[in-house]
C-alpha cells in the first residue's frame, strides 16, 4: 500500500531496539483518511473470506479495525487490556506480551461477542513477534469460532511474527512489510 509506505517514510521515526514510532498517523494521532484507505485495502483482501466479525486489541488496532468493519459491513470487537466494572464475568481471557511496551497484559473479551459460527478477521497495527495476533487467535478458538485471517498494518518482517502465524496455518496479509530498520533507515520488503 503505497500511501501507507509514503507516510512511514515521511513521518515514521526509527528508535533504538527495532522500534518504529508512527504516532503522528497510527497509534496516538490518527490520520482518518489513511485509516479509511487501510480499511478499504483490508476489506478488498478479505472480502471473499466469509468474515462475520473483526477483532483487535485496544487501542492502536481500533481505528483500522473499525474502518475495515465498516467496509465489510460487520461488527468489530476489541480485547480490553484492563478490567472495568462492566467487564468482569463470562469472559474469554488470554495473556499477551507486548514487544513495544515490554509488558504482559491480560486481554479480555466478553463471551457474548464471539460465537462458534463466527469467522473472525484479526486486525492489528503492528506485527513483530506475533504475540498479540496469537493471543487473539487463541481467544477466537476458545469461542469455537474460526480465524478467517490476520490483517497487519505494519509488519516488521525481520522479526519472528509472520513465521509463527504461518506455522499455525493462518493467512497473514500485511499492508507494509519492513525488511530492516538498521541505521535508523526504513527499508521495505
N, C-alpha and C. Protein backbone atom coordinates (compact mmCIF):
# COMPACT_ATOMS: atom_id res chain seq x y z
N UNK A 1 0.85 -1.17 0.00
CA UNK A 1 0.00 0.00 0.00
C UNK A 1 0.90 1.24 0.00
N UNK A 2 0.97 1.88 -1.13
CA UNK A 2 1.93 2.97 -1.32
C UNK A 2 1.67 4.18 -0.42
N UNK A 3 0.41 4.51 -0.18
CA UNK A 3 0.08 5.64 0.70
C UNK A 3 0.64 5.41 2.10
N UNK A 4 0.48 4.21 2.62
CA UNK A 4 1.00 3.86 3.94
C UNK A 4 2.53 3.91 3.94
N UNK A 5 3.15 3.35 2.93
CA UNK A 5 4.62 3.37 2.87
C UNK A 5 5.14 4.80 2.81
N UNK A 6 4.46 5.64 2.07
CA UNK A 6 4.85 7.06 1.99
C UNK A 6 4.77 7.72 3.36
N UNK A 7 3.68 7.45 4.10
CA UNK A 7 3.51 8.02 5.44
C UNK A 7 4.63 7.54 6.37
N UNK A 8 4.95 6.26 6.29
CA UNK A 8 6.02 5.71 7.12
C UNK A 8 7.34 6.41 6.82
N UNK A 9 7.64 6.59 5.55
CA UNK A 9 8.90 7.23 5.15
C UNK A 9 8.94 8.70 5.57
N UNK A 10 7.81 9.38 5.45
CA UNK A 10 7.77 10.81 5.75
C UNK A 10 7.70 11.11 7.25
N UNK A 11 6.95 10.29 8.00
CA UNK A 11 6.65 10.63 9.38
C UNK A 11 7.14 9.61 10.41
N UNK A 12 7.50 8.41 9.98
CA UNK A 12 7.97 7.40 10.91
C UNK A 12 9.34 7.75 11.46
N UNK A 13 9.56 7.41 12.72
CA UNK A 13 10.85 7.66 13.37
C UNK A 13 11.36 6.33 13.90
N UNK A 14 12.57 5.96 13.49
CA UNK A 14 13.18 4.72 13.95
C UNK A 14 13.88 4.98 15.29
N UNK A 15 13.48 4.19 16.30
CA UNK A 15 14.08 4.29 17.62
C UNK A 15 15.00 3.08 17.85
N UNK A 16 15.82 3.16 18.86
CA UNK A 16 16.68 2.04 19.21
C UNK A 16 15.85 0.80 19.52
N UNK A 17 16.44 -0.36 19.29
CA UNK A 17 15.78 -1.62 19.64
C UNK A 17 14.77 -2.10 18.62
N UNK A 18 14.83 -1.63 17.39
CA UNK A 18 13.92 -2.10 16.36
C UNK A 18 12.50 -1.59 16.50
N UNK A 19 12.35 -0.40 17.05
CA UNK A 19 11.02 0.19 17.24
C UNK A 19 10.80 1.29 16.21
N UNK A 20 9.64 1.26 15.56
CA UNK A 20 9.25 2.29 14.61
C UNK A 20 8.12 3.10 15.23
N UNK A 21 8.37 4.39 15.42
CA UNK A 21 7.39 5.29 16.02
C UNK A 21 6.55 5.92 14.90
N UNK A 22 5.24 5.65 14.95
CA UNK A 22 4.32 6.17 13.94
C UNK A 22 3.13 6.85 14.62
N UNK A 23 3.45 7.60 15.65
CA UNK A 23 2.39 8.20 16.46
C UNK A 23 1.72 9.39 15.80
N UNK A 24 2.25 9.89 14.68
CA UNK A 24 1.61 11.01 14.01
C UNK A 24 0.42 10.59 13.15
N UNK A 25 0.30 9.27 12.86
CA UNK A 25 -0.80 8.85 12.00
C UNK A 25 -1.49 7.55 12.39
N UNK A 26 -0.90 6.75 13.31
CA UNK A 26 -1.49 5.44 13.59
C UNK A 26 -1.77 5.17 15.06
N UNK A 27 -0.82 5.42 15.94
CA UNK A 27 -1.06 4.96 17.30
C UNK A 27 -0.95 6.02 18.40
N UNK A 28 -1.24 7.23 18.04
CA UNK A 28 -1.50 8.28 19.03
C UNK A 28 -2.46 9.27 18.38
N UNK A 29 -1.98 9.95 17.38
CA UNK A 29 -2.85 10.73 16.50
C UNK A 29 -3.22 9.80 15.34
N UNK A 30 -4.45 9.88 14.86
CA UNK A 30 -4.91 9.00 13.79
C UNK A 30 -5.23 9.82 12.55
N UNK A 31 -4.65 9.42 11.42
CA UNK A 31 -4.95 10.02 10.14
C UNK A 31 -6.18 9.30 9.58
N UNK A 32 -7.33 9.94 9.66
CA UNK A 32 -8.60 9.31 9.30
C UNK A 32 -8.65 8.91 7.82
N UNK A 33 -8.12 9.75 6.95
CA UNK A 33 -8.11 9.41 5.52
C UNK A 33 -7.27 8.16 5.27
N UNK A 34 -6.12 8.09 5.91
CA UNK A 34 -5.27 6.90 5.78
C UNK A 34 -5.98 5.67 6.35
N UNK A 35 -6.65 5.81 7.50
CA UNK A 35 -7.36 4.67 8.09
C UNK A 35 -8.48 4.19 7.17
N UNK A 36 -9.15 5.11 6.50
CA UNK A 36 -10.19 4.72 5.54
C UNK A 36 -9.57 3.91 4.40
N UNK A 37 -8.43 4.35 3.88
CA UNK A 37 -7.75 3.62 2.82
C UNK A 37 -7.29 2.25 3.32
N UNK A 38 -6.82 2.18 4.55
CA UNK A 38 -6.41 0.90 5.15
C UNK A 38 -7.62 -0.02 5.28
N UNK A 39 -8.74 0.50 5.77
CA UNK A 39 -9.96 -0.30 5.88
C UNK A 39 -10.40 -0.85 4.53
N UNK A 40 -10.32 -0.03 3.51
CA UNK A 40 -10.69 -0.48 2.15
C UNK A 40 -9.73 -1.56 1.66
N UNK A 41 -8.45 -1.39 1.93
CA UNK A 41 -7.45 -2.38 1.49
C UNK A 41 -7.69 -3.73 2.16
N UNK A 42 -7.90 -3.73 3.48
CA UNK A 42 -8.17 -4.99 4.18
C UNK A 42 -9.48 -5.61 3.69
N UNK A 43 -10.50 -4.80 3.48
CA UNK A 43 -11.79 -5.32 3.00
C UNK A 43 -11.61 -5.98 1.64
N UNK A 44 -10.84 -5.37 0.77
CA UNK A 44 -10.59 -5.96 -0.55
C UNK A 44 -9.86 -7.29 -0.43
N UNK A 45 -8.85 -7.35 0.44
CA UNK A 45 -8.08 -8.58 0.62
C UNK A 45 -8.91 -9.72 1.19
N UNK A 46 -9.86 -9.41 2.07
CA UNK A 46 -10.58 -10.46 2.79
C UNK A 46 -12.07 -10.54 2.44
N UNK A 47 -12.50 -9.82 1.41
CA UNK A 47 -13.93 -9.76 1.07
C UNK A 47 -14.54 -11.14 0.84
N UNK A 48 -13.80 -12.05 0.24
CA UNK A 48 -14.33 -13.38 -0.10
C UNK A 48 -14.07 -14.41 0.99
N UNK A 49 -13.68 -13.97 2.18
CA UNK A 49 -13.31 -14.91 3.25
C UNK A 49 -14.44 -15.23 4.22
N UNK A 50 -15.63 -14.72 3.97
CA UNK A 50 -16.76 -15.02 4.83
C UNK A 50 -16.67 -14.43 6.23
N UNK A 51 -16.02 -13.29 6.34
CA UNK A 51 -15.81 -12.65 7.64
C UNK A 51 -17.15 -12.22 8.23
N UNK A 52 -17.38 -12.58 9.50
CA UNK A 52 -18.59 -12.16 10.20
C UNK A 52 -18.29 -11.17 11.32
N UNK A 53 -17.01 -11.07 11.70
CA UNK A 53 -16.63 -10.17 12.79
C UNK A 53 -15.16 -9.78 12.64
N UNK A 54 -14.85 -8.55 13.04
CA UNK A 54 -13.49 -8.05 13.10
C UNK A 54 -13.09 -8.00 14.57
N UNK A 55 -11.83 -8.35 14.84
CA UNK A 55 -11.35 -8.34 16.22
C UNK A 55 -9.97 -7.68 16.29
N UNK A 56 -9.74 -6.92 17.35
CA UNK A 56 -8.44 -6.31 17.60
C UNK A 56 -8.25 -6.18 19.10
N UNK A 57 -7.11 -5.60 19.48
CA UNK A 57 -6.84 -5.30 20.90
C UNK A 57 -6.74 -3.80 21.02
N UNK A 58 -7.26 -3.26 22.15
CA UNK A 58 -7.12 -1.83 22.36
C UNK A 58 -5.65 -1.46 22.46
N UNK A 59 -5.21 -0.34 22.07
CA UNK A 59 -6.01 0.71 21.49
C UNK A 59 -5.64 1.00 20.04
N UNK A 60 -4.40 0.74 19.66
CA UNK A 60 -3.94 1.16 18.33
C UNK A 60 -4.56 0.38 17.17
N UNK A 61 -5.10 -0.78 17.43
CA UNK A 61 -5.74 -1.54 16.37
C UNK A 61 -7.17 -1.11 16.10
N UNK A 62 -7.73 -0.30 16.99
CA UNK A 62 -9.15 0.03 16.87
C UNK A 62 -9.47 0.81 15.60
N UNK A 63 -8.71 1.84 15.27
CA UNK A 63 -9.03 2.66 14.09
C UNK A 63 -9.02 1.82 12.80
N UNK A 64 -7.95 1.07 12.49
CA UNK A 64 -8.01 0.28 11.26
C UNK A 64 -9.08 -0.82 11.32
N UNK A 65 -9.33 -1.37 12.52
CA UNK A 65 -10.34 -2.42 12.63
C UNK A 65 -11.75 -1.87 12.40
N UNK A 66 -12.05 -0.71 12.95
CA UNK A 66 -13.38 -0.11 12.76
C UNK A 66 -13.63 0.18 11.28
N UNK A 67 -12.63 0.73 10.61
CA UNK A 67 -12.83 1.09 9.21
C UNK A 67 -12.88 -0.14 8.31
N UNK A 68 -12.21 -1.20 8.70
CA UNK A 68 -12.33 -2.47 7.96
C UNK A 68 -13.74 -3.03 8.18
N UNK A 69 -14.21 -3.00 9.42
CA UNK A 69 -15.56 -3.49 9.72
C UNK A 69 -16.61 -2.71 8.94
N UNK A 70 -16.43 -1.40 8.87
CA UNK A 70 -17.36 -0.56 8.11
C UNK A 70 -17.40 -0.99 6.64
N UNK A 71 -16.23 -1.23 6.07
CA UNK A 71 -16.16 -1.62 4.65
C UNK A 71 -16.76 -3.00 4.40
N UNK A 72 -16.63 -3.90 5.38
CA UNK A 72 -17.16 -5.25 5.22
C UNK A 72 -18.60 -5.40 5.73
N UNK A 73 -19.09 -4.37 6.44
CA UNK A 73 -20.45 -4.41 6.95
C UNK A 73 -20.66 -5.42 8.07
N UNK A 74 -19.63 -5.56 8.92
CA UNK A 74 -19.70 -6.50 10.04
C UNK A 74 -19.33 -5.78 11.34
N UNK A 75 -19.69 -6.34 12.50
CA UNK A 75 -19.30 -5.71 13.77
C UNK A 75 -17.81 -5.86 14.05
N UNK A 76 -17.31 -4.99 14.91
CA UNK A 76 -15.93 -5.06 15.38
C UNK A 76 -15.95 -5.17 16.89
N UNK A 77 -15.12 -6.05 17.43
CA UNK A 77 -14.98 -6.21 18.88
C UNK A 77 -13.50 -6.06 19.21
N UNK A 78 -13.22 -5.42 20.35
CA UNK A 78 -11.80 -5.31 20.72
C UNK A 78 -11.57 -5.88 22.11
N UNK A 79 -10.41 -6.48 22.24
CA UNK A 79 -10.00 -7.01 23.52
C UNK A 79 -9.53 -5.89 24.42
N UNK A 80 -9.94 -5.95 25.66
CA UNK A 80 -9.53 -4.94 26.64
C UNK A 80 -8.33 -5.44 27.41
N UNK A 81 -7.40 -4.51 27.66
CA UNK A 81 -6.20 -4.85 28.43
C UNK A 81 -6.38 -4.58 29.91
N UNK A 82 -7.40 -3.85 30.26
CA UNK A 82 -7.65 -3.52 31.66
C UNK A 82 -9.08 -3.90 32.02
N UNK A 83 -9.23 -4.44 33.19
CA UNK A 83 -10.56 -4.80 33.67
C UNK A 83 -11.35 -3.54 33.98
N UNK A 84 -12.64 -3.61 33.82
CA UNK A 84 -13.51 -2.49 34.18
C UNK A 84 -14.65 -3.03 35.04
N UNK A 85 -15.40 -2.14 35.61
CA UNK A 85 -16.54 -2.55 36.43
C UNK A 85 -17.59 -3.29 35.62
N UNK A 86 -17.67 -2.99 34.34
CA UNK A 86 -18.68 -3.61 33.49
C UNK A 86 -18.19 -4.87 32.77
N UNK A 87 -16.92 -5.20 32.93
CA UNK A 87 -16.35 -6.36 32.23
C UNK A 87 -15.65 -7.25 33.25
N UNK A 88 -16.46 -8.11 33.91
CA UNK A 88 -15.90 -8.93 34.99
C UNK A 88 -16.19 -10.41 34.82
N UNK A 89 -17.35 -10.74 34.31
CA UNK A 89 -17.77 -12.14 34.27
C UNK A 89 -17.97 -12.60 32.84
N UNK A 90 -17.92 -13.94 32.69
CA UNK A 90 -18.21 -14.59 31.42
C UNK A 90 -17.32 -14.04 30.30
N UNK A 91 -16.01 -14.20 30.50
CA UNK A 91 -15.02 -13.61 29.60
C UNK A 91 -14.13 -14.68 28.96
N UNK A 92 -13.65 -14.37 27.78
CA UNK A 92 -12.51 -15.08 27.20
C UNK A 92 -11.29 -14.26 27.62
N UNK A 93 -10.24 -14.94 28.06
CA UNK A 93 -9.06 -14.24 28.56
C UNK A 93 -7.80 -14.91 28.04
N UNK A 94 -6.82 -14.11 27.66
CA UNK A 94 -5.51 -14.59 27.23
C UNK A 94 -4.45 -13.61 27.67
N UNK A 95 -3.31 -14.11 28.03
CA UNK A 95 -2.16 -13.26 28.33
C UNK A 95 -1.41 -12.97 27.03
N UNK A 96 -1.05 -11.69 26.84
CA UNK A 96 -0.37 -11.26 25.61
C UNK A 96 0.81 -10.39 26.00
N UNK A 97 1.98 -10.71 25.46
CA UNK A 97 3.18 -9.93 25.73
C UNK A 97 3.39 -8.91 24.62
N UNK A 98 3.63 -7.66 24.98
CA UNK A 98 3.87 -6.58 24.02
C UNK A 98 5.37 -6.32 23.89
N UNK A 99 5.89 -6.50 22.68
CA UNK A 99 7.30 -6.22 22.40
C UNK A 99 7.61 -4.74 22.63
N UNK A 100 6.74 -3.86 22.13
CA UNK A 100 6.98 -2.42 22.21
C UNK A 100 6.93 -1.92 23.65
N UNK A 101 5.94 -2.41 24.40
CA UNK A 101 5.78 -1.94 25.79
C UNK A 101 6.58 -2.76 26.79
N UNK A 102 7.10 -3.91 26.34
CA UNK A 102 7.88 -4.79 27.20
C UNK A 102 7.09 -5.18 28.46
N UNK A 103 5.81 -5.53 28.23
CA UNK A 103 4.97 -5.94 29.35
C UNK A 103 3.91 -6.92 28.89
N UNK A 104 3.42 -7.69 29.85
CA UNK A 104 2.36 -8.64 29.57
C UNK A 104 1.03 -8.06 30.02
N UNK A 105 0.01 -8.25 29.20
CA UNK A 105 -1.34 -7.81 29.54
C UNK A 105 -2.27 -9.01 29.49
N UNK A 106 -3.32 -8.94 30.30
CA UNK A 106 -4.37 -9.94 30.21
C UNK A 106 -5.48 -9.34 29.37
N UNK A 107 -5.68 -9.90 28.19
CA UNK A 107 -6.68 -9.39 27.25
C UNK A 107 -7.98 -10.14 27.46
N UNK A 108 -9.07 -9.39 27.56
CA UNK A 108 -10.38 -9.99 27.79
C UNK A 108 -11.40 -9.51 26.77
N UNK A 109 -12.29 -10.43 26.43
CA UNK A 109 -13.43 -10.13 25.55
C UNK A 109 -14.64 -10.85 26.13
N UNK A 110 -15.74 -10.16 26.21
CA UNK A 110 -16.97 -10.76 26.70
C UNK A 110 -17.40 -11.91 25.78
N UNK A 111 -17.82 -13.00 26.39
CA UNK A 111 -18.24 -14.18 25.63
C UNK A 111 -19.46 -13.90 24.73
N UNK A 112 -20.23 -12.87 25.08
CA UNK A 112 -21.43 -12.60 24.28
C UNK A 112 -21.10 -12.03 22.90
N UNK A 113 -19.83 -11.63 22.68
CA UNK A 113 -19.48 -11.03 21.39
C UNK A 113 -18.80 -11.97 20.40
N UNK A 114 -18.52 -13.20 20.81
CA UNK A 114 -17.95 -14.20 19.89
C UNK A 114 -18.76 -15.48 20.00
N UNK A 115 -19.08 -16.07 18.86
CA UNK A 115 -19.88 -17.30 18.83
C UNK A 115 -19.20 -18.32 17.92
N UNK A 116 -19.51 -19.60 18.11
CA UNK A 116 -18.90 -20.63 17.28
C UNK A 116 -19.13 -20.44 15.78
N UNK A 117 -20.19 -19.77 15.40
CA UNK A 117 -20.48 -19.55 13.97
C UNK A 117 -19.62 -18.45 13.35
N UNK A 118 -18.92 -17.68 14.17
CA UNK A 118 -18.16 -16.53 13.65
C UNK A 118 -16.91 -16.94 12.89
N UNK A 119 -16.65 -16.17 11.82
CA UNK A 119 -15.38 -16.22 11.09
C UNK A 119 -14.74 -14.86 11.32
N UNK A 120 -13.67 -14.84 12.08
CA UNK A 120 -13.11 -13.61 12.63
C UNK A 120 -11.86 -13.19 11.86
N UNK A 121 -11.87 -11.93 11.44
CA UNK A 121 -10.69 -11.31 10.85
C UNK A 121 -10.01 -10.52 11.96
N UNK A 122 -8.78 -10.89 12.27
CA UNK A 122 -7.99 -10.20 13.29
C UNK A 122 -7.22 -9.08 12.61
N UNK A 123 -7.33 -7.87 13.15
CA UNK A 123 -6.62 -6.71 12.62
C UNK A 123 -5.72 -6.17 13.74
N UNK A 124 -4.47 -5.85 13.39
CA UNK A 124 -3.59 -5.23 14.38
C UNK A 124 -2.69 -4.21 13.70
N UNK A 125 -2.21 -3.25 14.49
CA UNK A 125 -1.37 -2.19 13.94
C UNK A 125 0.01 -2.68 13.55
N UNK A 126 0.64 -3.50 14.40
CA UNK A 126 2.00 -3.99 14.14
C UNK A 126 2.08 -5.49 14.30
N UNK A 127 2.98 -6.09 13.55
CA UNK A 127 3.37 -7.48 13.75
C UNK A 127 4.87 -7.49 13.96
N UNK A 128 5.29 -7.93 15.14
CA UNK A 128 6.72 -8.06 15.45
C UNK A 128 6.99 -9.53 15.76
N UNK A 129 6.69 -9.95 16.96
CA UNK A 129 6.91 -11.34 17.37
C UNK A 129 5.64 -12.17 17.32
N UNK A 130 4.50 -11.56 16.97
CA UNK A 130 3.26 -12.28 16.76
C UNK A 130 2.45 -12.57 18.01
N UNK A 131 2.87 -12.07 19.15
CA UNK A 131 2.19 -12.41 20.40
C UNK A 131 0.76 -11.89 20.46
N UNK A 132 0.52 -10.67 20.02
CA UNK A 132 -0.85 -10.12 20.06
C UNK A 132 -1.78 -10.92 19.14
N UNK A 133 -1.34 -11.16 17.92
CA UNK A 133 -2.17 -11.91 16.97
C UNK A 133 -2.42 -13.33 17.46
N UNK A 134 -1.41 -13.98 18.00
CA UNK A 134 -1.60 -15.33 18.53
C UNK A 134 -2.55 -15.34 19.72
N UNK A 135 -2.44 -14.35 20.59
CA UNK A 135 -3.36 -14.24 21.72
C UNK A 135 -4.79 -14.07 21.26
N UNK A 136 -5.00 -13.20 20.26
CA UNK A 136 -6.35 -13.01 19.74
C UNK A 136 -6.86 -14.29 19.09
N UNK A 137 -5.99 -14.99 18.36
CA UNK A 137 -6.40 -16.25 17.74
C UNK A 137 -6.80 -17.28 18.78
N UNK A 138 -6.09 -17.31 19.90
CA UNK A 138 -6.46 -18.25 20.98
C UNK A 138 -7.84 -17.91 21.55
N UNK A 139 -8.15 -16.64 21.65
CA UNK A 139 -9.48 -16.23 22.12
C UNK A 139 -10.55 -16.68 21.12
N UNK A 140 -10.29 -16.48 19.83
CA UNK A 140 -11.23 -16.92 18.79
C UNK A 140 -11.48 -18.43 18.92
N UNK A 141 -10.41 -19.17 19.13
CA UNK A 141 -10.55 -20.62 19.25
C UNK A 141 -11.27 -21.01 20.54
N UNK A 142 -11.04 -20.26 21.63
CA UNK A 142 -11.79 -20.53 22.88
C UNK A 142 -13.29 -20.45 22.62
N UNK A 143 -13.68 -19.53 21.74
CA UNK A 143 -15.10 -19.32 21.42
C UNK A 143 -15.63 -20.40 20.48
N UNK A 144 -14.74 -21.24 19.97
CA UNK A 144 -15.17 -22.24 19.00
C UNK A 144 -15.34 -21.65 17.61
N UNK A 145 -14.90 -20.41 17.44
CA UNK A 145 -15.02 -19.71 16.16
C UNK A 145 -13.77 -20.00 15.31
N UNK A 146 -13.73 -19.43 14.13
CA UNK A 146 -12.64 -19.67 13.19
C UNK A 146 -11.95 -18.35 12.84
N UNK A 147 -10.64 -18.40 12.73
CA UNK A 147 -9.87 -17.24 12.28
C UNK A 147 -9.91 -17.23 10.75
N UNK A 148 -10.53 -16.20 10.18
CA UNK A 148 -10.61 -16.07 8.73
C UNK A 148 -9.31 -15.53 8.14
N UNK A 149 -8.53 -14.83 8.95
CA UNK A 149 -7.26 -14.28 8.51
C UNK A 149 -6.78 -13.25 9.50
N UNK A 150 -5.55 -12.79 9.26
CA UNK A 150 -4.94 -11.78 10.11
C UNK A 150 -4.43 -10.66 9.22
N UNK A 151 -4.93 -9.44 9.47
CA UNK A 151 -4.53 -8.26 8.71
C UNK A 151 -3.64 -7.38 9.58
N UNK A 152 -2.48 -7.06 9.07
CA UNK A 152 -1.50 -6.27 9.81
C UNK A 152 -1.23 -4.97 9.05
N UNK A 153 -1.27 -3.85 9.75
CA UNK A 153 -0.97 -2.58 9.09
C UNK A 153 0.52 -2.51 8.75
N UNK A 154 1.40 -2.70 9.75
CA UNK A 154 2.85 -2.62 9.53
C UNK A 154 3.49 -3.87 10.11
N UNK A 155 4.18 -4.62 9.27
CA UNK A 155 4.88 -5.83 9.71
C UNK A 155 6.38 -5.58 9.73
N UNK A 156 7.00 -5.95 10.83
CA UNK A 156 8.46 -5.94 10.91
C UNK A 156 8.93 -7.34 10.51
N UNK A 157 9.18 -7.52 9.21
CA UNK A 157 9.47 -8.83 8.65
C UNK A 157 10.80 -9.41 9.14
N UNK A 158 11.63 -8.59 9.72
CA UNK A 158 12.91 -9.07 10.25
C UNK A 158 12.75 -9.71 11.63
N UNK A 159 11.53 -9.71 12.16
CA UNK A 159 11.26 -10.37 13.42
C UNK A 159 10.43 -11.63 13.17
N UNK A 160 10.10 -12.38 14.19
CA UNK A 160 9.62 -13.75 14.04
C UNK A 160 8.10 -13.92 13.88
N UNK A 161 7.34 -12.85 13.95
CA UNK A 161 5.88 -12.96 13.98
C UNK A 161 5.25 -13.67 12.81
N UNK A 162 5.60 -13.27 11.60
CA UNK A 162 4.98 -13.88 10.41
C UNK A 162 5.18 -15.39 10.42
N UNK A 163 6.39 -15.82 10.69
CA UNK A 163 6.68 -17.26 10.70
C UNK A 163 5.83 -18.01 11.70
N UNK A 164 5.67 -17.44 12.90
CA UNK A 164 4.85 -18.08 13.94
C UNK A 164 3.40 -18.22 13.48
N UNK A 165 2.89 -17.18 12.85
CA UNK A 165 1.48 -17.20 12.41
C UNK A 165 1.28 -18.18 11.25
N UNK A 166 2.23 -18.18 10.31
CA UNK A 166 2.12 -19.11 9.18
C UNK A 166 2.24 -20.56 9.65
N UNK A 167 3.11 -20.82 10.64
CA UNK A 167 3.23 -22.18 11.20
C UNK A 167 1.91 -22.67 11.77
N UNK A 168 1.09 -21.75 12.28
CA UNK A 168 -0.21 -22.11 12.84
C UNK A 168 -1.28 -22.24 11.75
N UNK A 169 -0.90 -21.98 10.50
CA UNK A 169 -1.83 -22.12 9.38
C UNK A 169 -2.68 -20.90 9.09
N UNK A 170 -2.32 -19.75 9.65
CA UNK A 170 -3.11 -18.55 9.43
C UNK A 170 -2.71 -17.84 8.14
N UNK A 171 -3.69 -17.26 7.49
CA UNK A 171 -3.45 -16.37 6.36
C UNK A 171 -3.07 -15.01 6.94
N UNK A 172 -1.93 -14.47 6.52
CA UNK A 172 -1.44 -13.18 7.02
C UNK A 172 -1.29 -12.23 5.85
N UNK A 173 -1.94 -11.07 5.95
CA UNK A 173 -1.82 -10.03 4.93
C UNK A 173 -1.36 -8.75 5.62
N UNK A 174 -0.20 -8.26 5.22
CA UNK A 174 0.36 -7.03 5.78
C UNK A 174 0.38 -5.95 4.71
N UNK A 175 -0.01 -4.75 5.09
CA UNK A 175 -0.07 -3.66 4.11
C UNK A 175 1.28 -3.01 3.86
N UNK A 176 2.16 -3.04 4.85
CA UNK A 176 3.54 -2.55 4.68
C UNK A 176 4.45 -3.52 5.40
N UNK A 177 5.41 -4.10 4.67
CA UNK A 177 6.35 -5.06 5.27
C UNK A 177 7.73 -4.42 5.30
N UNK A 178 8.27 -4.29 6.51
CA UNK A 178 9.57 -3.65 6.69
C UNK A 178 10.64 -4.74 6.79
N UNK A 179 11.65 -4.63 5.94
CA UNK A 179 12.75 -5.58 5.91
C UNK A 179 13.80 -5.25 6.96
N UNK A 180 13.99 -3.95 7.22
CA UNK A 180 15.05 -3.53 8.12
C UNK A 180 14.80 -2.12 8.65
N UNK A 181 15.28 -1.89 9.87
CA UNK A 181 15.30 -0.56 10.46
C UNK A 181 16.75 -0.20 10.84
N UNK A 182 17.69 -0.93 10.27
CA UNK A 182 19.11 -0.74 10.58
C UNK A 182 19.55 0.69 10.23
N UNK A 183 20.41 1.21 11.08
CA UNK A 183 20.95 2.55 10.83
C UNK A 183 19.93 3.66 10.85
N UNK A 184 18.78 3.41 11.49
CA UNK A 184 17.74 4.42 11.56
C UNK A 184 17.00 4.64 10.26
N UNK A 185 17.14 3.70 9.32
CA UNK A 185 16.52 3.85 8.00
C UNK A 185 15.50 2.72 7.75
N UNK A 186 14.33 3.09 7.27
CA UNK A 186 13.30 2.12 6.96
C UNK A 186 13.54 1.55 5.56
N UNK A 187 13.60 0.22 5.48
CA UNK A 187 13.70 -0.45 4.18
C UNK A 187 12.56 -1.45 4.10
N UNK A 188 11.81 -1.40 3.01
CA UNK A 188 10.67 -2.28 2.82
C UNK A 188 11.07 -3.57 2.12
N UNK A 189 10.27 -4.62 2.35
CA UNK A 189 10.47 -5.91 1.68
C UNK A 189 10.20 -5.70 0.21
